[in-house]
């Protein structure tokens, strides 16, 4: 990468690409059993909601003559 020759108002931003930290972050704490179960149940609830909405929405997504016949009123049959 090329470096700018003109002065930059924030020089540390221009030099941030070459900065390397030697400090490692602390290790992550393990999830407790209750947190793991809670996250799993939340995930299953979201997936079940999506599947349920797909199942309930499938009849309205289908196109066919049977849907139009069911929506006709009885008054139009006697004409």
C-alpha atoms as a PDB file:
ATOM      1  CA  UNK A   1       0.000   0.000   0.000  1.00  0.00           C
ATOM      2  CA  UNK A   2       1.250   3.474  -0.717  1.00  0.00           C
ATOM      3  CA  UNK A   3       1.778   5.992   2.045  1.00  0.00           C
ATOM      4  CA  UNK A   4       0.644   9.580   1.881  1.00  0.00           C
ATOM      5  CA  UNK A   5       3.347  12.160   1.639  1.00  0.00           C
ATOM      6  CA  UNK A   6       1.242  15.108   2.765  1.00  0.00           C
ATOM      7  CA  UNK A   7       0.554  15.508   6.470  1.00  0.00           C
ATOM      8  CA  UNK A   8      -2.629  13.922   7.754  1.00  0.00           C
ATOM      9  CA  UNK A   9      -4.562  15.606  10.574  1.00  0.00           C
ATOM     10  CA  UNK A  10      -4.838  12.308  12.411  1.00  0.00           C
ATOM     11  CA  UNK A  11      -1.545  10.580  11.772  1.00  0.00           C
ATOM     12  CA  UNK A  12      -2.387   7.617  13.986  1.00  0.00           C
ATOM     13  CA  UNK A  13      -5.245   6.718  11.628  1.00  0.00           C
ATOM     14  CA  UNK A  14      -2.891   6.635   8.661  1.00  0.00           C
ATOM     15  CA  UNK A  15      -0.406   4.479  10.557  1.00  0.00           C
ATOM     16  CA  UNK A  16      -3.011   2.142  12.053  1.00  0.00           C
ATOM     17  CA  UNK A  17      -2.500  -0.412   9.300  1.00  0.00           C
ATOM     18  CA  UNK A  18       1.010  -1.187  10.482  1.00  0.00           C
ATOM     19  CA  UNK A  19       0.045  -1.457  14.160  1.00  0.00           C
ATOM     20  CA  UNK A  20       0.229  -4.933  15.676  1.00  0.00           C
ATOM     21  CA  UNK A  21      -0.875  -5.606  19.213  1.00  0.00           C
ATOM     22  CA  UNK A  22       1.007  -8.059  21.382  1.00  0.00           C
ATOM     23  CA  UNK A  23      -1.794  -8.182  23.956  1.00  0.00           C
ATOM     24  CA  UNK A  24      -4.022 -11.224  23.703  1.00  0.00           C
ATOM     25  CA  UNK A  25      -7.636 -10.968  24.838  1.00  0.00           C
ATOM     26  CA  UNK A  26      -8.703 -13.051  27.810  1.00  0.00           C
ATOM     27  CA  UNK A  27     -10.166 -16.476  27.014  1.00  0.00           C
ATOM     28  CA  UNK A  28     -13.930 -16.729  26.689  1.00  0.00           C
ATOM     29  CA  UNK A  29     -15.889 -18.102  29.583  1.00  0.00           C
ATOM     30  CA  UNK A  30     -17.774 -21.309  28.947  1.00  0.00           C
ATOM     31  CA  UNK A  31     -21.539 -21.156  28.899  1.00  0.00           C
ATOM     32  CA  UNK A  32     -23.319 -22.630  31.869  1.00  0.00           C
ATOM     33  CA  UNK A  33     -25.801 -25.447  31.334  1.00  0.00           C
ATOM     34  CA  UNK A  34     -28.801 -23.169  31.870  1.00  0.00           C
ATOM     35  CA  UNK A  35     -27.496 -20.632  29.337  1.00  0.00           C
ATOM     36  CA  UNK A  36     -26.898 -23.388  26.803  1.00  0.00           C
ATOM     37  CA  UNK A  37     -30.391 -24.807  27.305  1.00  0.00           C
ATOM     38  CA  UNK A  38     -31.920 -21.326  27.093  1.00  0.00           C
ATOM     39  CA  UNK A  39     -30.176 -20.518  23.831  1.00  0.00           C
ATOM     40  CA  UNK A  40     -31.137 -23.891  22.399  1.00  0.00           C
ATOM     41  CA  UNK A  41     -34.798 -23.402  23.323  1.00  0.00           C
ATOM     42  CA  UNK A  42     -34.780 -19.913  21.885  1.00  0.00           C
ATOM     43  CA  UNK A  43     -33.329 -21.204  18.621  1.00  0.00           C
ATOM     44  CA  UNK A  44     -35.859 -24.025  18.442  1.00  0.00           C
ATOM     45  CA  UNK A  45     -38.693 -21.566  19.115  1.00  0.00           C
ATOM     46  CA  UNK A  46     -37.580 -19.331  16.257  1.00  0.00           C
ATOM     47  CA  UNK A  47     -37.232 -22.283  13.873  1.00  0.00           C
ATOM     48  CA  UNK A  48     -40.629 -23.669  14.915  1.00  0.00           C
ATOM     49  CA  UNK A  49     -42.214 -20.262  14.302  1.00  0.00           C
ATOM     50  CA  UNK A  50     -40.741 -20.056  10.828  1.00  0.00           C
ATOM     51  CA  UNK A  51     -41.817 -23.597   9.957  1.00  0.00           C
ATOM     52  CA  UNK A  52     -45.305 -22.988  11.351  1.00  0.00           C
ATOM     53  CA  UNK A  53     -45.739 -19.793   9.358  1.00  0.00           C
ATOM     54  CA  UNK A  54     -44.588 -21.615   6.239  1.00  0.00           C
ATOM     55  CA  UNK A  55     -47.060 -24.455   6.836  1.00  0.00           C
ATOM     56  CA  UNK A  56     -49.947 -22.071   7.513  1.00  0.00           C
ATOM     57  CA  UNK A  57     -49.032 -19.891   4.543  1.00  0.00           C
ATOM     58  CA  UNK A  58     -48.714 -22.671   1.972  1.00  0.00           C
ATOM     59  CA  UNK A  59     -52.452 -22.855   1.108  1.00  0.00           C
ATOM     60  CA  UNK A  60     -52.504 -19.157   0.248  1.00  0.00           C
ATOM     61  CA  UNK A  61     -49.429 -19.527  -1.971  1.00  0.00           C
ATOM     62  CA  UNK A  62     -50.973 -22.292  -4.077  1.00  0.00           C
ATOM     63  CA  UNK A  63     -52.775 -21.204  -7.206  1.00  0.00           C
ATOM     64  CA  UNK A  64     -55.587 -23.283  -8.570  1.00  0.00           C
ATOM     65  CA  UNK A  65     -59.226 -23.366  -9.568  1.00  0.00           C
ATOM     66  CA  UNK A  66     -60.374 -24.838  -6.279  1.00  0.00           C
ATOM     67  CA  UNK A  67     -59.506 -21.653  -4.388  1.00  0.00           C
ATOM     68  CA  UNK A  68     -61.469 -19.432  -6.760  1.00  0.00           C
ATOM     69  CA  UNK A  69     -64.509 -21.707  -6.688  1.00  0.00           C
ATOM     70  CA  UNK A  70     -64.636 -21.667  -2.912  1.00  0.00           C
ATOM     71  CA  UNK A  71     -64.622 -17.873  -2.785  1.00  0.00           C
ATOM     72  CA  UNK A  72     -67.576 -17.396  -5.132  1.00  0.00           C
ATOM     73  CA  UNK A  73     -70.775 -16.352  -3.490  1.00  0.00           C
ATOM     74  CA  UNK A  74     -74.048 -18.281  -3.701  1.00  0.00           C
ATOM     75  CA  UNK A  75     -75.728 -15.384  -5.485  1.00  0.00           C
ATOM     76  CA  UNK A  76     -73.480 -15.835  -8.492  1.00  0.00           C
ATOM     77  CA  UNK A  77     -74.473 -19.539  -8.780  1.00  0.00           C
ATOM     78  CA  UNK A  78     -78.164 -18.734  -9.421  1.00  0.00           C
ATOM     79  CA  UNK A  79     -77.490 -16.406 -12.354  1.00  0.00           C
END
